[in-house]
N, C-alpha and C. Protein backbone atom coordinates (compact mmCIF):
# COMPACT_ATOMS: atom_id res chain seq x y z
N UNK A 1 177.42 -0.96 -57.93
CA UNK A 1 177.24 -0.96 -56.49
C UNK A 1 175.85 -1.52 -56.17
N UNK A 2 175.81 -2.47 -55.28
CA UNK A 2 174.57 -3.13 -54.94
C UNK A 2 174.16 -2.78 -53.51
N UNK A 3 172.89 -2.57 -53.34
CA UNK A 3 172.36 -2.26 -52.02
C UNK A 3 171.24 -3.23 -51.72
N UNK A 4 171.37 -3.92 -50.62
CA UNK A 4 170.30 -4.84 -50.25
C UNK A 4 169.86 -4.57 -48.81
N UNK A 5 168.61 -4.78 -48.59
CA UNK A 5 168.04 -4.56 -47.27
C UNK A 5 167.14 -5.75 -46.96
N UNK A 6 167.24 -6.25 -45.76
CA UNK A 6 166.41 -7.38 -45.38
C UNK A 6 165.00 -6.90 -45.07
N UNK A 7 164.10 -7.86 -45.03
CA UNK A 7 162.71 -7.52 -44.73
C UNK A 7 162.58 -6.94 -43.33
N UNK A 8 163.30 -7.49 -42.37
CA UNK A 8 163.20 -6.96 -41.00
C UNK A 8 163.79 -5.56 -40.91
N UNK A 9 164.85 -5.29 -41.66
CA UNK A 9 165.41 -3.93 -41.68
C UNK A 9 164.41 -2.95 -42.28
N UNK A 10 163.72 -3.38 -43.32
CA UNK A 10 162.69 -2.54 -43.93
C UNK A 10 161.56 -2.26 -42.94
N UNK A 11 161.15 -3.28 -42.21
CA UNK A 11 160.10 -3.10 -41.20
C UNK A 11 160.55 -2.08 -40.15
N UNK A 12 161.78 -2.18 -39.70
CA UNK A 12 162.29 -1.25 -38.70
C UNK A 12 162.29 0.17 -39.24
N UNK A 13 162.76 0.35 -40.46
CA UNK A 13 162.82 1.70 -41.04
C UNK A 13 161.43 2.29 -41.28
N UNK A 14 160.52 1.49 -41.79
CA UNK A 14 159.15 1.98 -42.02
C UNK A 14 158.49 2.32 -40.69
N UNK A 15 158.68 1.48 -39.69
CA UNK A 15 158.13 1.73 -38.35
C UNK A 15 158.74 3.01 -37.76
N UNK A 16 160.03 3.21 -37.96
CA UNK A 16 160.69 4.43 -37.47
C UNK A 16 160.07 5.67 -38.10
N UNK A 17 159.91 5.64 -39.40
CA UNK A 17 159.31 6.78 -40.10
C UNK A 17 157.88 7.00 -39.63
N UNK A 18 157.14 5.93 -39.47
CA UNK A 18 155.75 6.02 -39.02
C UNK A 18 155.67 6.67 -37.64
N UNK A 19 156.53 6.25 -36.72
CA UNK A 19 156.52 6.82 -35.36
C UNK A 19 156.95 8.29 -35.37
N UNK A 20 157.95 8.61 -36.17
CA UNK A 20 158.39 9.99 -36.28
C UNK A 20 157.31 10.89 -36.85
N UNK A 21 156.68 10.45 -37.93
CA UNK A 21 155.59 11.23 -38.53
C UNK A 21 154.40 11.32 -37.58
N UNK A 22 154.13 10.26 -36.85
CA UNK A 22 153.04 10.28 -35.88
C UNK A 22 153.25 11.33 -34.81
N UNK A 23 154.46 11.45 -34.33
CA UNK A 23 154.77 12.48 -33.34
C UNK A 23 154.60 13.88 -33.90
N UNK A 24 155.03 14.04 -35.15
CA UNK A 24 154.90 15.35 -35.80
C UNK A 24 153.43 15.71 -36.04
N UNK A 25 152.64 14.73 -36.49
CA UNK A 25 151.21 14.97 -36.73
C UNK A 25 150.52 15.30 -35.40
N UNK A 26 150.85 14.58 -34.35
CA UNK A 26 150.28 14.86 -33.03
C UNK A 26 150.59 16.27 -32.57
N UNK A 27 151.79 16.72 -32.86
CA UNK A 27 152.18 18.08 -32.50
C UNK A 27 151.43 19.10 -33.35
N UNK A 28 151.34 18.86 -34.65
CA UNK A 28 150.68 19.81 -35.55
C UNK A 28 149.18 19.90 -35.28
N UNK A 29 148.54 18.75 -35.01
CA UNK A 29 147.09 18.75 -34.84
C UNK A 29 146.66 19.28 -33.48
N UNK A 30 147.38 18.92 -32.44
CA UNK A 30 146.92 19.29 -31.10
C UNK A 30 147.95 20.07 -30.29
N UNK A 31 149.08 20.38 -30.91
CA UNK A 31 150.12 21.13 -30.19
C UNK A 31 150.79 20.32 -29.09
N UNK A 32 150.77 19.00 -29.21
CA UNK A 32 151.32 18.13 -28.18
C UNK A 32 152.83 17.99 -28.31
N UNK A 33 153.54 18.74 -27.48
CA UNK A 33 155.01 18.64 -27.46
C UNK A 33 155.46 17.25 -27.02
N UNK A 34 154.80 16.61 -26.02
CA UNK A 34 155.21 15.25 -25.66
C UNK A 34 155.09 14.27 -26.83
N UNK A 35 154.07 14.43 -27.68
CA UNK A 35 153.95 13.56 -28.86
C UNK A 35 155.13 13.76 -29.79
N UNK A 36 155.50 15.00 -30.00
CA UNK A 36 156.63 15.30 -30.88
C UNK A 36 157.92 14.71 -30.32
N UNK A 37 158.16 14.92 -29.04
CA UNK A 37 159.38 14.41 -28.40
C UNK A 37 159.41 12.88 -28.46
N UNK A 38 158.30 12.24 -28.12
CA UNK A 38 158.24 10.78 -28.14
C UNK A 38 158.41 10.24 -29.56
N UNK A 39 157.80 10.91 -30.52
CA UNK A 39 157.92 10.47 -31.91
C UNK A 39 159.34 10.59 -32.43
N UNK A 40 159.96 11.73 -32.16
CA UNK A 40 161.35 11.94 -32.61
C UNK A 40 162.30 10.98 -31.89
N UNK A 41 162.10 10.80 -30.59
CA UNK A 41 162.96 9.89 -29.83
C UNK A 41 162.81 8.45 -30.33
N UNK A 42 161.57 8.03 -30.58
CA UNK A 42 161.32 6.68 -31.11
C UNK A 42 161.98 6.51 -32.47
N UNK A 43 161.79 7.51 -33.33
CA UNK A 43 162.41 7.49 -34.65
C UNK A 43 163.93 7.33 -34.52
N UNK A 44 164.53 8.14 -33.67
CA UNK A 44 165.99 8.14 -33.52
C UNK A 44 166.50 6.78 -33.03
N UNK A 45 165.87 6.24 -32.00
CA UNK A 45 166.32 4.96 -31.45
C UNK A 45 166.14 3.84 -32.47
N UNK A 46 165.04 3.85 -33.20
CA UNK A 46 164.82 2.82 -34.22
C UNK A 46 165.82 2.93 -35.37
N UNK A 47 166.14 4.13 -35.77
CA UNK A 47 167.14 4.31 -36.84
C UNK A 47 168.51 3.85 -36.35
N UNK A 48 168.84 4.16 -35.11
CA UNK A 48 170.12 3.70 -34.55
C UNK A 48 170.13 2.17 -34.52
N UNK A 49 169.02 1.56 -34.13
CA UNK A 49 168.91 0.10 -34.13
C UNK A 49 169.23 -0.47 -35.51
N UNK A 50 168.70 0.17 -36.54
CA UNK A 50 168.96 -0.25 -37.92
C UNK A 50 170.43 -0.05 -38.28
N UNK A 51 170.95 1.13 -37.99
CA UNK A 51 172.32 1.48 -38.40
C UNK A 51 173.36 0.55 -37.76
N UNK A 52 173.19 0.27 -36.47
CA UNK A 52 174.19 -0.56 -35.79
C UNK A 52 173.89 -2.05 -35.92
N UNK A 53 172.79 -2.37 -36.59
CA UNK A 53 172.47 -3.78 -36.84
C UNK A 53 172.04 -4.54 -35.61
N UNK A 54 171.31 -3.88 -34.73
CA UNK A 54 170.83 -4.53 -33.52
C UNK A 54 169.30 -4.47 -33.46
N UNK A 55 168.64 -5.38 -34.17
CA UNK A 55 167.18 -5.36 -34.20
C UNK A 55 166.52 -5.60 -32.84
N UNK A 56 167.28 -6.15 -31.89
CA UNK A 56 166.70 -6.35 -30.55
C UNK A 56 166.29 -5.02 -29.93
N UNK A 57 167.00 -3.96 -30.27
CA UNK A 57 166.61 -2.63 -29.77
C UNK A 57 165.22 -2.28 -30.30
N UNK A 58 164.98 -2.53 -31.56
CA UNK A 58 163.67 -2.26 -32.16
C UNK A 58 162.59 -3.14 -31.54
N UNK A 59 162.93 -4.36 -31.18
CA UNK A 59 161.98 -5.24 -30.50
C UNK A 59 161.57 -4.60 -29.17
N UNK A 60 162.54 -4.11 -28.43
CA UNK A 60 162.26 -3.46 -27.14
C UNK A 60 161.45 -2.19 -27.29
N UNK A 61 161.79 -1.37 -28.28
CA UNK A 61 161.06 -0.12 -28.51
C UNK A 61 159.62 -0.42 -28.90
N UNK A 62 159.41 -1.38 -29.78
CA UNK A 62 158.04 -1.71 -30.20
C UNK A 62 157.23 -2.27 -29.04
N UNK A 63 157.85 -3.06 -28.17
CA UNK A 63 157.16 -3.60 -27.00
C UNK A 63 156.78 -2.46 -26.04
N UNK A 64 157.71 -1.55 -25.81
CA UNK A 64 157.46 -0.41 -24.93
C UNK A 64 156.34 0.46 -25.48
N UNK A 65 156.40 0.75 -26.78
CA UNK A 65 155.37 1.59 -27.38
C UNK A 65 154.01 0.89 -27.39
N UNK A 66 153.99 -0.41 -27.61
CA UNK A 66 152.72 -1.15 -27.55
C UNK A 66 152.12 -1.04 -26.15
N UNK A 67 152.95 -1.14 -25.12
CA UNK A 67 152.47 -1.01 -23.75
C UNK A 67 151.93 0.40 -23.48
N UNK A 68 152.64 1.41 -23.96
CA UNK A 68 152.20 2.80 -23.78
C UNK A 68 150.86 3.02 -24.47
N UNK A 69 150.74 2.56 -25.71
CA UNK A 69 149.49 2.76 -26.45
C UNK A 69 148.35 1.94 -25.86
N UNK A 70 148.65 0.77 -25.32
CA UNK A 70 147.62 -0.03 -24.65
C UNK A 70 147.08 0.72 -23.44
N UNK A 71 147.97 1.32 -22.69
CA UNK A 71 147.57 2.10 -21.51
C UNK A 71 146.68 3.28 -21.92
N UNK A 72 147.07 3.95 -23.00
CA UNK A 72 146.28 5.09 -23.48
C UNK A 72 144.89 4.66 -23.94
N UNK A 73 144.83 3.57 -24.69
CA UNK A 73 143.54 3.08 -25.17
C UNK A 73 142.67 2.66 -23.98
N UNK A 74 143.27 2.03 -23.00
CA UNK A 74 142.53 1.61 -21.81
C UNK A 74 141.93 2.80 -21.07
N UNK A 75 142.66 3.91 -21.03
CA UNK A 75 142.18 5.10 -20.34
C UNK A 75 141.15 5.88 -21.15
N UNK A 76 141.43 6.08 -22.43
CA UNK A 76 140.60 6.96 -23.25
C UNK A 76 139.48 6.24 -23.99
N UNK A 77 139.64 4.94 -24.22
CA UNK A 77 138.70 4.14 -25.01
C UNK A 77 138.56 4.67 -26.44
N UNK A 78 139.56 5.42 -26.91
CA UNK A 78 139.56 5.94 -28.27
C UNK A 78 140.49 5.10 -29.13
N UNK A 79 139.98 4.70 -30.27
CA UNK A 79 140.80 3.88 -31.16
C UNK A 79 141.76 4.70 -32.01
N UNK A 80 141.48 5.97 -32.19
CA UNK A 80 142.37 6.83 -32.98
C UNK A 80 142.95 7.92 -32.09
N UNK A 81 144.22 8.10 -32.09
CA UNK A 81 145.23 7.35 -32.83
C UNK A 81 145.84 6.20 -32.03
N UNK A 82 145.59 6.18 -30.72
CA UNK A 82 146.28 5.21 -29.86
C UNK A 82 145.99 3.76 -30.21
N UNK A 83 144.76 3.44 -30.57
CA UNK A 83 144.42 2.06 -30.91
C UNK A 83 145.15 1.60 -32.15
N UNK A 84 145.20 2.47 -33.15
CA UNK A 84 145.91 2.14 -34.38
C UNK A 84 147.40 1.95 -34.10
N UNK A 85 147.97 2.84 -33.30
CA UNK A 85 149.40 2.74 -32.98
C UNK A 85 149.68 1.51 -32.12
N UNK A 86 148.74 1.14 -31.28
CA UNK A 86 148.86 -0.10 -30.50
C UNK A 86 148.96 -1.30 -31.42
N UNK A 87 148.06 -1.38 -32.38
CA UNK A 87 148.05 -2.53 -33.31
C UNK A 87 149.35 -2.57 -34.11
N UNK A 88 149.76 -1.43 -34.65
CA UNK A 88 150.99 -1.39 -35.45
C UNK A 88 152.20 -1.78 -34.61
N UNK A 89 152.29 -1.23 -33.40
CA UNK A 89 153.43 -1.54 -32.53
C UNK A 89 153.43 -3.01 -32.13
N UNK A 90 152.27 -3.56 -31.84
CA UNK A 90 152.18 -4.98 -31.46
C UNK A 90 152.56 -5.88 -32.63
N UNK A 91 152.10 -5.54 -33.83
CA UNK A 91 152.43 -6.35 -35.01
C UNK A 91 153.94 -6.30 -35.27
N UNK A 92 154.53 -5.11 -35.19
CA UNK A 92 155.98 -4.97 -35.40
C UNK A 92 156.73 -5.77 -34.33
N UNK A 93 156.29 -5.65 -33.08
CA UNK A 93 156.94 -6.39 -32.00
C UNK A 93 156.92 -7.90 -32.27
N UNK A 94 155.74 -8.44 -32.57
CA UNK A 94 155.61 -9.89 -32.80
C UNK A 94 156.44 -10.31 -34.01
N UNK A 95 156.35 -9.55 -35.10
CA UNK A 95 157.11 -9.89 -36.30
C UNK A 95 158.61 -9.92 -36.02
N UNK A 96 159.13 -8.86 -35.41
CA UNK A 96 160.58 -8.79 -35.15
C UNK A 96 161.01 -9.85 -34.15
N UNK A 97 160.20 -10.09 -33.14
CA UNK A 97 160.54 -11.12 -32.16
C UNK A 97 160.62 -12.49 -32.81
N UNK A 98 159.66 -12.80 -33.65
CA UNK A 98 159.69 -14.09 -34.36
C UNK A 98 160.94 -14.18 -35.24
N UNK A 99 161.27 -13.10 -35.93
CA UNK A 99 162.46 -13.09 -36.78
C UNK A 99 163.74 -13.31 -35.95
N UNK A 100 163.83 -12.63 -34.82
CA UNK A 100 165.03 -12.74 -33.98
C UNK A 100 165.13 -14.13 -33.36
N UNK A 101 164.02 -14.66 -32.87
CA UNK A 101 164.06 -15.99 -32.26
C UNK A 101 164.36 -17.06 -33.31
N UNK A 102 163.88 -16.86 -34.52
CA UNK A 102 164.16 -17.80 -35.60
C UNK A 102 165.64 -17.83 -35.97
N UNK A 103 166.29 -16.69 -35.86
CA UNK A 103 167.72 -16.62 -36.19
C UNK A 103 168.59 -17.22 -35.10
N UNK A 104 168.10 -17.19 -33.85
CA UNK A 104 168.93 -17.69 -32.76
C UNK A 104 168.83 -19.21 -32.61
N UNK A 105 167.91 -19.82 -33.33
CA UNK A 105 167.75 -21.30 -33.23
C UNK A 105 168.80 -22.01 -34.06
């Protein structure tokens, strides 16, 4: 039995785990229930995107999260954790968008 996963699928899954763990860490460190809910919801939507084979969903989620983290960094001027999450979300967004646009050509 052979199992193969594309690079973009791997990026989606790693990003999903990262967002889920980020929500959990935010909850554990500061008791932030919204962080936990957002992290779990992001994880769930990204995993569904992977399972149903619709990476465009992950493109949208990463764009939305990049915008949310940009707003937070703009307000707080703190690079941790929002700045780091902004960079990761923006990189995932650009990478997946390039992959999707390359496939549609």
